[in-house]
Amino acid sequence: MSKYADDRVLSPETKPLRSWPGGKGLAVWIVHNVECWPIDYLGPGGMPWPQQPPDVPNSTFREYGNRVGVWRLIEMHDALGIPASVALNGAMCTAHPEVVEALNVRGWDIMGHGVDQSRPLNRIPPQEEAGDIDATLDAIEAFCGKRPEGWLGPGLAQTHATPDLLAARGVRYIADRLDHHQPYYVRTASDPLVAVPYSLDLNDYSAFGTMAFTGRQYAEMLTDQFDALLAESRREARVMCIPLHTYLSGAPHRSVHIARALAHMKAQPGAWITTGAEIARAFRAQT
């Protein structure tokens, strides 16, 4: 085995998919990152520098997503009539139960996303990783009545043990991988996981936080990616992920443009706007 190869990956090129259910070529899944942070955590915010606690401007910038932004995005989906996936911190079930209830009653696909954003799995003591995964999955199952099928690590963080721990706990797909436009299997000590493609290029955090895009520029990028992948999908099935954060894309000057891009995608007959869980199930059914 080459030192440059990931020996967990079962090559996606061995049997590429030709289409998705209904003969659709391009599966599009929208992932809303619904997150919380301890009040004194020096995390991302609207100002270019953190302040010593209490970091009021940055903590309230993030909290805007849970108090305002998430509701605007929910209304957007209701108006368009399209589903979503949610990367949910387990602590949201107690920090903002009203938000989790609104997501759950819509039947959205809820993934585990760690306890909260202050505890990426690769930065906590190794002996605590299994406990964090259990706490996340158990909290979501207790609140929503269903155990998550998917997982996205906080900050996309994993350890070498993460796939085995997730598979042993009934997780069926992961969204931490960025290296393909089709799903593929990730080997574990038990059942393989399906890697459903995620994206950093199309992530609103990259677009708005790193590249300083406007909402209009971001929507143009989404539309360009969609149109290019839709053309490719006439030959071979493709997946496009649109990762959004409630405190960024939930702002009205951004959400209005995102809604227009999604309406364009919905109108194309070759597109399947769906969830991570549905993509993983369709992939397993064909492979």
C-alpha atoms as a PDB file:
ATOM      1  CA  MET A   1       0.000   0.000   0.000  1.00  0.00           C
ATOM      2  CA  SER A   2       1.375   3.397  -0.974  1.00  0.00           C
ATOM      3  CA  LYS A   3       1.995   5.798   1.868  1.00  0.00           C
ATOM      4  CA  TYR A   4      -0.130   8.287  -0.099  1.00  0.00           C
ATOM      5  CA  ALA A   5      -3.216   6.062  -0.251  1.00  0.00           C
ATOM      6  CA  ASP A   6      -6.039   5.894   2.276  1.00  0.00           C
ATOM      7  CA  ASP A   7      -6.460   2.188   2.892  1.00  0.00           C
ATOM      8  CA  ARG A   8     -10.015   2.720   4.176  1.00  0.00           C
ATOM      9  CA  VAL A   9     -11.285   3.858   0.779  1.00  0.00           C
ATOM     10  CA  LEU A  10     -12.924   1.274  -1.411  1.00  0.00           C
ATOM     11  CA  SER A  11     -12.259   2.801  -4.811  1.00  0.00           C
ATOM     12  CA  PRO A  12     -15.223   4.738  -6.232  1.00  0.00           C
ATOM     13  CA  GLU A  13     -13.996   4.189  -9.774  1.00  0.00           C
ATOM     14  CA  THR A  14     -14.624   0.440  -9.779  1.00  0.00           C
ATOM     15  CA  LYS A  15     -18.335   0.750 -10.607  1.00  0.00           C
ATOM     16  CA  PRO A  16     -19.418   4.351 -11.180  1.00  0.00           C
ATOM     17  CA  LEU A  17     -23.133   5.063 -11.024  1.00  0.00           C
ATOM     18  CA  ARG A  18     -24.864   6.066 -14.240  1.00  0.00           C
ATOM     19  CA  SER A  19     -27.967   7.630 -12.702  1.00  0.00           C
ATOM     20  CA  TRP A  20     -30.018   8.220  -9.551  1.00  0.00           C
ATOM     21  CA  PRO A  21     -33.635   7.162  -8.884  1.00  0.00           C
ATOM     22  CA  GLY A  22     -36.035   8.222 -11.603  1.00  0.00           C
ATOM     23  CA  GLY A  23     -33.203   8.476 -14.102  1.00  0.00           C
ATOM     24  CA  LYS A  24     -31.936  11.719 -12.551  1.00  0.00           C
ATOM     25  CA  GLY A  25     -28.304  12.513 -13.195  1.00  0.00           C
ATOM     26  CA  LEU A  26     -27.385  15.038 -10.498  1.00  0.00           C
ATOM     27  CA  ALA A  27     -28.205  14.617  -6.799  1.00  0.00           C
ATOM     28  CA  VAL A  28     -28.155  17.921  -4.915  1.00  0.00           C
ATOM     29  CA  TRP A  29     -28.186  17.958  -1.141  1.00  0.00           C
ATOM     30  CA  ILE A  30     -28.335  21.079   1.011  1.00  0.00           C
ATOM     31  CA  VAL A  31     -26.714  20.783   4.445  1.00  0.00           C
ATOM     32  CA  HIS A  32     -27.652  23.295   7.119  1.00  0.00           C
ATOM     33  CA  ASN A  33     -25.048  23.425   9.872  1.00  0.00           C
ATOM     34  CA  VAL A  34     -27.101  24.077  13.020  1.00  0.00           C
ATOM     35  CA  GLU A  35     -24.563  24.677  15.748  1.00  0.00           C
ATOM     36  CA  CYS A  36     -23.903  26.088  19.181  1.00  0.00           C
ATOM     37  CA  TRP A  37     -20.854  27.186  21.165  1.00  0.00           C
ATOM     38  CA  PRO A  38     -20.203  27.689  24.862  1.00  0.00           C
ATOM     39  CA  ILE A  39     -20.829  31.348  25.644  1.00  0.00           C
ATOM     40  CA  ASP A  40     -17.158  32.051  26.399  1.00  0.00           C
ATOM     41  CA  TYR A  41     -15.717  30.079  23.477  1.00  0.00           C
ATOM     42  CA  LEU A  42     -13.440  32.132  21.223  1.00  0.00           C
ATOM     43  CA  GLY A  43     -14.818  30.841  17.960  1.00  0.00           C
ATOM     44  CA  PRO A  44     -15.695  32.284  14.552  1.00  0.00           C
ATOM     45  CA  GLY A  45     -17.583  35.530  14.415  1.00  0.00           C
ATOM     46  CA  GLY A  46     -18.325  38.653  12.490  1.00  0.00           C
ATOM     47  CA  MET A  47     -15.298  40.585  13.717  1.00  0.00           C
ATOM     48  CA  PRO A  48     -11.813  39.708  12.450  1.00  0.00           C
ATOM     49  CA  TRP A  49     -10.454  39.271  15.964  1.00  0.00           C
ATOM     50  CA  PRO A  50     -11.799  37.502  19.055  1.00  0.00           C
ATOM     51  CA  GLN A  51     -12.209  39.391  22.299  1.00  0.00           C
ATOM     52  CA  GLN A  52     -11.674  38.087  25.782  1.00  0.00           C
ATOM     53  CA  PRO A  53     -14.902  36.752  27.292  1.00  0.00           C
ATOM     54  CA  PRO A  54     -17.546  37.914  27.298  1.00  0.00           C
ATOM     55  CA  ASP A  55     -17.052  38.184  23.527  1.00  0.00           C
ATOM     56  CA  VAL A  56     -20.441  39.762  22.955  1.00  0.00           C
ATOM     57  CA  PRO A  57     -20.151  40.786  19.272  1.00  0.00           C
ATOM     58  CA  ASN A  58     -18.830  37.452  18.052  1.00  0.00           C
ATOM     59  CA  SER A  59     -20.982  35.222  20.246  1.00  0.00           C
ATOM     60  CA  THR A  60     -24.143  37.101  19.289  1.00  0.00           C
ATOM     61  CA  PHE A  61     -23.103  37.076  15.620  1.00  0.00           C
ATOM     62  CA  ARG A  62     -23.145  33.273  15.785  1.00  0.00           C
ATOM     63  CA  GLU A  63     -26.295  33.161  17.893  1.00  0.00           C
ATOM     64  CA  TYR A  64     -28.150  35.129  15.207  1.00  0.00           C
ATOM     65  CA  GLY A  65     -28.296  31.846  13.293  1.00  0.00           C
ATOM     66  CA  ASN A  66     -30.281  30.108  16.022  1.00  0.00           C
ATOM     67  CA  ARG A  67     -32.556  33.042  16.864  1.00  0.00           C
ATOM     68  CA  VAL A  68     -33.260  34.446  13.385  1.00  0.00           C
ATOM     69  CA  GLY A  69     -31.317  32.925  10.491  1.00  0.00           C
ATOM     70  CA  VAL A  70     -32.525  29.344  10.827  1.00  0.00           C
ATOM     71  CA  TRP A  71     -36.167  30.439  10.615  1.00  0.00           C
ATOM     72  CA  ARG A  72     -35.529  32.360   7.408  1.00  0.00           C
ATOM     73  CA  LEU A  73     -33.878  29.287   5.876  1.00  0.00           C
ATOM     74  CA  ILE A  74     -36.737  27.049   7.007  1.00  0.00           C
ATOM     75  CA  GLU A  75     -39.201  29.422   5.333  1.00  0.00           C
ATOM     76  CA  MET A  76     -37.076  29.302   2.176  1.00  0.00           C
ATOM     77  CA  HIS A  77     -37.321  25.510   2.050  1.00  0.00           C
ATOM     78  CA  ASP A  78     -41.041  25.570   2.813  1.00  0.00           C
ATOM     79  CA  ALA A  79     -41.628  28.018  -0.042  1.00  0.00           C
ATOM     80  CA  LEU A  80     -39.548  25.998  -2.505  1.00  0.00           C
ATOM     81  CA  GLY A  81     -40.900  22.639  -1.340  1.00  0.00           C
ATOM     82  CA  ILE A  82     -37.467  21.006  -1.137  1.00  0.00           C
ATOM     83  CA  PRO A  83     -35.917  18.870   1.629  1.00  0.00           C
ATOM     84  CA  ALA A  84     -32.701  19.430   3.552  1.00  0.00           C
ATOM     85  CA  SER A  85     -30.127  17.661   5.649  1.00  0.00           C
ATOM     86  CA  VAL A  86     -29.008  19.107   8.975  1.00  0.00           C
ATOM     87  CA  ALA A  87     -25.641  18.763  10.694  1.00  0.00           C
ATOM     88  CA  LEU A  88     -26.818  19.156  14.279  1.00  0.00           C
ATOM     89  CA  ASN A  89     -24.795  19.650  17.446  1.00  0.00           C
ATOM     90  CA  GLY A  90     -26.258  17.422  20.150  1.00  0.00           C
ATOM     91  CA  ALA A  91     -26.287  20.345  22.595  1.00  0.00           C
ATOM     92  CA  MET A  92     -28.815  22.128  20.372  1.00  0.00           C
ATOM     93  CA  CYS A  93     -31.472  19.778  21.761  1.00  0.00           C
ATOM     94  CA  THR A  94     -31.228  21.554  25.116  1.00  0.00           C
ATOM     95  CA  ALA A  95     -29.861  24.953  24.025  1.00  0.00           C
ATOM     96  CA  HIS A  96     -32.543  25.563  21.363  1.00  0.00           C
ATOM     97  CA  PRO A  97     -35.174  22.811  21.484  1.00  0.00           C
ATOM     98  CA  GLU A  98     -37.610  24.972  19.504  1.00  0.00           C
ATOM     99  CA  VAL A  99     -35.219  24.941  16.554  1.00  0.00           C
ATOM    100  CA  VAL A 100     -34.669  21.181  16.684  1.00  0.00           C
ATOM    101  CA  GLU A 101     -38.409  20.592  16.910  1.00  0.00           C
ATOM    102  CA  ALA A 102     -39.011  22.703  13.798  1.00  0.00           C
ATOM    103  CA  LEU A 103     -36.394  20.730  11.877  1.00  0.00           C
ATOM    104  CA  ASN A 104     -37.696  17.407  13.101  1.00  0.00           C
ATOM    105  CA  VAL A 105     -41.381  17.970  12.308  1.00  0.00           C
ATOM    106  CA  ARG A 106     -40.411  18.680   8.694  1.00  0.00           C
ATOM    107  CA  GLY A 107     -38.834  15.252   8.448  1.00  0.00           C
ATOM    108  CA  TRP A 108     -35.439  16.627   7.510  1.00  0.00           C
ATOM    109  CA  ASP A 109     -32.463  14.276   7.555  1.00  0.00           C
ATOM    110  CA  ILE A 110     -30.621  15.067  10.807  1.00  0.00           C
ATOM    111  CA  MET A 111     -26.945  14.087  11.052  1.00  0.00           C
ATOM    112  CA  GLY A 112     -24.820  14.007  14.175  1.00  0.00           C
ATOM    113  CA  HIS A 113     -22.382  16.925  14.311  1.00  0.00           C
ATOM    114  CA  GLY A 114     -20.635  16.499  17.653  1.00  0.00           C
ATOM    115  CA  VAL A 115     -21.658  17.757  21.069  1.00  0.00           C
ATOM    116  CA  ASP A 116     -20.919  21.392  20.175  1.00  0.00           C
ATOM    117  CA  GLN A 117     -18.447  23.330  18.037  1.00  0.00           C
ATOM    118  CA  SER A 118     -15.853  23.633  20.792  1.00  0.00           C
ATOM    119  CA  ARG A 119     -15.070  19.885  20.706  1.00  0.00           C
ATOM    120  CA  PRO A 120     -13.713  18.725  17.314  1.00  0.00           C
ATOM    121  CA  LEU A 121     -12.883  15.046  17.657  1.00  0.00           C
ATOM    122  CA  ASN A 122      -9.209  15.450  16.834  1.00  0.00           C
ATOM    123  CA  ARG A 123      -8.674  17.975  19.632  1.00  0.00           C
ATOM    124  CA  ILE A 124     -10.203  16.157  22.576  1.00  0.00           C
ATOM    125  CA  PRO A 125      -8.476  13.391  24.566  1.00  0.00           C
ATOM    126  CA  PRO A 126      -8.702  10.125  22.598  1.00  0.00           C
ATOM    127  CA  GLN A 127     -10.450   8.376  25.463  1.00  0.00           C
ATOM    128  CA  GLU A 128     -13.303  10.908  25.223  1.00  0.00           C
ATOM    129  CA  GLU A 129     -14.109  10.468  21.533  1.00  0.00           C
ATOM    130  CA  ALA A 130     -16.513   7.553  21.898  1.00  0.00           C
ATOM    131  CA  GLY A 131     -18.325   9.375  24.691  1.00  0.00           C
ATOM    132  CA  ASP A 132     -18.780  12.486  22.566  1.00  0.00           C
ATOM    133  CA  ILE A 133     -20.172  10.440  19.669  1.00  0.00           C
ATOM    134  CA  ASP A 134     -22.535   8.596  22.019  1.00  0.00           C
ATOM    135  CA  ALA A 135     -23.678  11.820  23.685  1.00  0.00           C
ATOM    136  CA  THR A 136     -24.416  13.398  20.306  1.00  0.00           C
ATOM    137  CA  LEU A 137     -26.312  10.471  18.804  1.00  0.00           C
ATOM    138  CA  ASP A 138     -28.198   9.734  22.032  1.00  0.00           C
ATOM    139  CA  ALA A 139     -29.310  13.356  22.493  1.00  0.00           C
ATOM    140  CA  ILE A 140     -30.651  13.580  18.943  1.00  0.00           C
ATOM    141  CA  GLU A 141     -32.367  10.189  19.148  1.00  0.00           C
ATOM    142  CA  ALA A 142     -34.007  11.049  22.480  1.00  0.00           C
ATOM    143  CA  PHE A 143     -35.336  14.365  21.156  1.00  0.00           C
ATOM    144  CA  CYS A 144     -36.230  13.408  17.582  1.00  0.00           C
ATOM    145  CA  GLY A 145     -37.287   9.804  18.107  1.00  0.00           C
ATOM    146  CA  LYS A 146     -34.874   8.543  15.467  1.00  0.00           C
ATOM    147  CA  ARG A 147     -31.177   7.802  15.534  1.00  0.00           C
ATOM    148  CA  PRO A 148     -29.112   9.758  12.983  1.00  0.00           C
ATOM    149  CA  GLU A 149     -28.050   7.840   9.902  1.00  0.00           C
ATOM    150  CA  GLY A 150     -25.317  10.339   9.045  1.00  0.00           C
ATOM    151  CA  TRP A 151     -22.404  12.162  10.630  1.00  0.00           C
ATOM    152  CA  LEU A 152     -20.450  15.331   9.896  1.00  0.00           C
ATOM    153  CA  GLY A 153     -17.651  16.037  12.328  1.00  0.00           C
ATOM    154  CA  PRO A 154     -17.378  19.496  13.912  1.00  0.00           C
ATOM    155  CA  GLY A 155     -14.941  21.254  11.592  1.00  0.00           C
ATOM    156  CA  LEU A 156     -14.978  18.022   9.495  1.00  0.00           C
ATOM    157  CA  ALA A 157     -12.599  16.620  12.125  1.00  0.00           C
ATOM    158  CA  GLN A 158     -11.944  12.900  12.494  1.00  0.00           C
ATOM    159  CA  THR A 159      -9.387  10.672  14.139  1.00  0.00           C
ATOM    160  CA  HIS A 160      -8.168   7.324  12.818  1.00  0.00           C
ATOM    161  CA  ALA A 161     -10.714   5.700  15.147  1.00  0.00           C
ATOM    162  CA  THR A 162     -13.744   7.742  14.055  1.00  0.00           C
ATOM    163  CA  PRO A 163     -15.064   5.575  11.178  1.00  0.00           C
ATOM    164  CA  ASP A 164     -14.974   2.426  13.312  1.00  0.00           C
ATOM    165  CA  LEU A 165     -16.700   4.173  16.230  1.00  0.00           C
ATOM    166  CA  LEU A 166     -19.428   5.577  14.001  1.00  0.00           C
ATOM    167  CA  ALA A 167     -20.138   2.331  12.163  1.00  0.00           C
ATOM    168  CA  ALA A 168     -20.323   0.401  15.434  1.00  0.00           C
ATOM    169  CA  ARG A 169     -23.039   2.823  16.591  1.00  0.00           C
ATOM    170  CA  GLY A 170     -25.248   2.396  13.552  1.00  0.00           C
ATOM    171  CA  VAL A 171     -24.182   5.418  11.504  1.00  0.00           C
ATOM    172  CA  ARG A 172     -24.561   4.631   7.804  1.00  0.00           C
ATOM    173  CA  TYR A 173     -22.949   7.566   6.022  1.00  0.00           C
ATOM    174  CA  ILE A 174     -20.393  10.294   6.629  1.00  0.00           C
ATOM    175  CA  ALA A 175     -19.971  13.703   5.040  1.00  0.00           C
ATOM    176  CA  ASP A 176     -16.400  14.599   5.984  1.00  0.00           C
ATOM    177  CA  ARG A 177     -14.800  13.720   2.647  1.00  0.00           C
ATOM    178  CA  LEU A 178     -14.234  16.071  -0.265  1.00  0.00           C
ATOM    179  CA  ASP A 179     -12.486  14.019  -2.936  1.00  0.00           C
ATOM    180  CA  HIS A 180     -15.175  12.881  -5.365  1.00  0.00           C
ATOM    181  CA  HIS A 181     -18.452  13.734  -7.133  1.00  0.00           C
ATOM    182  CA  GLN A 182     -19.884  10.287  -6.401  1.00  0.00           C
ATOM    183  CA  PRO A 183     -20.302   8.441  -3.104  1.00  0.00           C
ATOM    184  CA  TYR A 184     -17.955   5.617  -2.215  1.00  0.00           C
ATOM    185  CA  TYR A 185     -17.464   3.119   0.591  1.00  0.00           C
ATOM    186  CA  VAL A 186     -15.169   3.644   3.558  1.00  0.00           C
ATOM    187  CA  ARG A 187     -13.946   0.446   5.160  1.00  0.00           C
ATOM    188  CA  THR A 188     -14.510   0.003   8.915  1.00  0.00           C
ATOM    189  CA  ALA A 189     -14.133  -2.804  11.443  1.00  0.00           C
ATOM    190  CA  SER A 190     -17.834  -3.567  10.891  1.00  0.00           C
ATOM    191  CA  ASP A 191     -20.115  -2.444   8.046  1.00  0.00           C
ATOM    192  CA  PRO A 192     -18.635   0.017   5.563  1.00  0.00           C
ATOM    193  CA  LEU A 193     -19.763   3.641   5.679  1.00  0.00           C
ATOM    194  CA  VAL A 194     -20.912   5.530   2.616  1.00  0.00           C
ATOM    195  CA  ALA A 195     -18.951   8.733   2.038  1.00  0.00           C
ATOM    196  CA  VAL A 196     -21.478  11.199   0.603  1.00  0.00           C
ATOM    197  CA  PRO A 197     -19.540  14.071  -0.999  1.00  0.00           C
ATOM    198  CA  TYR A 198     -19.399  17.343   0.939  1.00  0.00           C
ATOM    199  CA  SER A 199     -17.746  20.572  -0.226  1.00  0.00           C
ATOM    200  CA  LEU A 200     -15.436  23.276   1.043  1.00  0.00           C
ATOM    201  CA  ASP A 201     -15.428  25.179  -2.265  1.00  0.00           C
ATOM    202  CA  LEU A 202     -19.194  25.663  -2.089  1.00  0.00           C
ATOM    203  CA  ASN A 203     -19.320  26.066   1.683  1.00  0.00           C
ATOM    204  CA  ASP A 204     -20.815  29.420   2.630  1.00  0.00           C
ATOM    205  CA  TYR A 205     -18.192  29.769   5.371  1.00  0.00           C
ATOM    206  CA  SER A 206     -15.457  29.651   2.734  1.00  0.00           C
ATOM    207  CA  ALA A 207     -17.361  31.952   0.387  1.00  0.00           C
ATOM    208  CA  PHE A 208     -18.413  34.614   2.867  1.00  0.00           C
ATOM    209  CA  GLY A 209     -15.745  34.248   5.540  1.00  0.00           C
ATOM    210  CA  THR A 210     -12.611  33.582   3.475  1.00  0.00           C
ATOM    211  CA  MET A 211     -13.333  34.890  -0.013  1.00  0.00           C
ATOM    212  CA  ALA A 212     -15.622  37.746   1.073  1.00  0.00           C
ATOM    213  CA  PHE A 213     -18.229  36.923  -1.580  1.00  0.00           C
ATOM    214  CA  THR A 214     -21.480  38.813  -1.789  1.00  0.00           C
ATOM    215  CA  GLY A 215     -24.717  36.838  -1.773  1.00  0.00           C
ATOM    216  CA  ARG A 216     -25.049  37.427  -5.509  1.00  0.00           C
ATOM    217  CA  GLN A 217     -21.521  36.108  -6.192  1.00  0.00           C
ATOM    218  CA  TYR A 218     -22.137  33.045  -4.053  1.00  0.00           C
ATOM    219  CA  ALA A 219     -25.390  32.233  -5.847  1.00  0.00           C
ATOM    220  CA  GLU A 220     -23.615  32.622  -9.188  1.00  0.00           C
ATOM    221  CA  MET A 221     -20.945  30.148  -8.068  1.00  0.00           C
ATOM    222  CA  LEU A 222     -23.614  27.662  -6.954  1.00  0.00           C
ATOM    223  CA  THR A 223     -25.411  27.978 -10.274  1.00  0.00           C
ATOM    224  CA  ASP A 224     -22.217  27.573 -12.293  1.00  0.00           C
ATOM    225  CA  GLN A 225     -21.265  24.430 -10.355  1.00  0.00           C
ATOM    226  CA  PHE A 226     -24.756  23.028 -10.747  1.00  0.00           C
ATOM    227  CA  ASP A 227     -24.911  23.658 -14.495  1.00  0.00           C
ATOM    228  CA  ALA A 228     -21.480  22.103 -15.062  1.00  0.00           C
ATOM    229  CA  LEU A 229     -22.250  19.000 -12.997  1.00  0.00           C
ATOM    230  CA  LEU A 230     -25.672  18.627 -14.575  1.00  0.00           C
ATOM    231  CA  ALA A 231     -24.015  18.508 -18.006  1.00  0.00           C
ATOM    232  CA  GLU A 232     -21.494  15.916 -16.772  1.00  0.00           C
ATOM    233  CA  SER A 233     -24.282  13.851 -15.222  1.00  0.00           C
ATOM    234  CA  ARG A 234     -25.626  12.959 -18.642  1.00  0.00           C
ATOM    235  CA  ARG A 235     -22.662  10.571 -18.850  1.00  0.00           C
ATOM    236  CA  GLU A 236     -22.253   9.588 -15.205  1.00  0.00           C
ATOM    237  CA  ALA A 237     -24.155  10.341 -11.991  1.00  0.00           C
ATOM    238  CA  ARG A 238     -22.938  13.256  -9.880  1.00  0.00           C
ATOM    239  CA  VAL A 239     -23.476  14.666  -6.384  1.00  0.00           C
ATOM    240  CA  MET A 240     -23.426  18.356  -5.456  1.00  0.00           C
ATOM    241  CA  CYS A 241     -23.405  19.462  -1.834  1.00  0.00           C
ATOM    242  CA  ILE A 242     -24.395  22.967  -0.698  1.00  0.00           C
ATOM    243  CA  PRO A 243     -23.183  23.469   2.905  1.00  0.00           C
ATOM    244  CA  LEU A 244     -24.808  26.431   4.663  1.00  0.00           C
ATOM    245  CA  HIS A 245     -24.516  27.961   8.136  1.00  0.00           C
ATOM    246  CA  THR A 246     -27.557  29.575   9.690  1.00  0.00           C
ATOM    247  CA  TYR A 247     -25.670  32.625  10.973  1.00  0.00           C
ATOM    248  CA  LEU A 248     -24.267  33.326   7.487  1.00  0.00           C
ATOM    249  CA  SER A 249     -26.760  32.204   4.858  1.00  0.00           C
ATOM    250  CA  GLY A 250     -29.659  33.069   7.153  1.00  0.00           C
ATOM    251  CA  ALA A 251     -28.958  36.771   6.626  1.00  0.00           C
ATOM    252  CA  PRO A 252     -31.521  38.267   4.223  1.00  0.00           C
ATOM    253  CA  HIS A 253     -28.991  39.825   1.846  1.00  0.00           C
ATOM    254  CA  ARG A 254     -27.618  36.316   1.260  1.00  0.00           C
ATOM    255  CA  SER A 255     -30.664  34.074   1.557  1.00  0.00           C
ATOM    256  CA  VAL A 256     -32.560  35.910  -1.173  1.00  0.00           C
ATOM    257  CA  HIS A 257     -29.858  35.007  -3.706  1.00  0.00           C
ATOM    258  CA  ILE A 258     -29.493  31.437  -2.433  1.00  0.00           C
ATOM    259  CA  ALA A 259     -33.244  30.964  -2.858  1.00  0.00           C
ATOM    260  CA  ARG A 260     -33.005  32.038  -6.494  1.00  0.00           C
ATOM    261  CA  ALA A 261     -30.165  29.589  -7.139  1.00  0.00           C
ATOM    262  CA  LEU A 262     -32.130  26.742  -5.563  1.00  0.00           C
ATOM    263  CA  ALA A 263     -35.214  27.626  -7.594  1.00  0.00           C
ATOM    264  CA  HIS A 264     -33.093  27.336 -10.749  1.00  0.00           C
ATOM    265  CA  MET A 265     -31.906  23.893  -9.661  1.00  0.00           C
ATOM    266  CA  LYS A 266     -35.400  22.689  -8.807  1.00  0.00           C
ATOM    267  CA  ALA A 267     -36.618  23.641 -12.274  1.00  0.00           C
ATOM    268  CA  GLN A 268     -34.140  21.369 -14.071  1.00  0.00           C
ATOM    269  CA  PRO A 269     -35.611  17.928 -14.888  1.00  0.00           C
ATOM    270  CA  GLY A 270     -32.280  16.129 -14.540  1.00  0.00           C
ATOM    271  CA  ALA A 271     -31.743  17.205 -10.918  1.00  0.00           C
ATOM    272  CA  TRP A 272     -32.747  15.284  -7.791  1.00  0.00           C
ATOM    273  CA  ILE A 273     -32.855  17.612  -4.772  1.00  0.00           C
ATOM    274  CA  THR A 274     -32.667  15.235  -1.858  1.00  0.00           C
ATOM    275  CA  THR A 275     -30.891  14.406   1.417  1.00  0.00           C
ATOM    276  CA  GLY A 276     -27.676  12.727   2.422  1.00  0.00           C
ATOM    277  CA  ALA A 277     -29.563   9.739   3.792  1.00  0.00           C
ATOM    278  CA  GLU A 278     -31.438   9.237   0.511  1.00  0.00           C
ATOM    279  CA  ILE A 279     -28.225   9.481  -1.505  1.00  0.00           C
ATOM    280  CA  ALA A 280     -26.553   6.906   0.732  1.00  0.00           C
ATOM    281  CA  ARG A 281     -29.524   4.535   0.452  1.00  0.00           C
ATOM    282  CA  ALA A 282     -29.671   4.877  -3.331  1.00  0.00           C
ATOM    283  CA  PHE A 283     -25.926   4.242  -3.574  1.00  0.00           C
ATOM    284  CA  ARG A 284     -26.138   1.100  -1.425  1.00  0.00           C
ATOM    285  CA  ALA A 285     -29.077  -0.173  -3.483  1.00  0.00           C
ATOM    286  CA  GLN A 286     -27.052   0.063  -6.706  1.00  0.00           C
ATOM    287  CA  THR A 287     -23.672  -1.209  -5.516  1.00  0.00           C
END
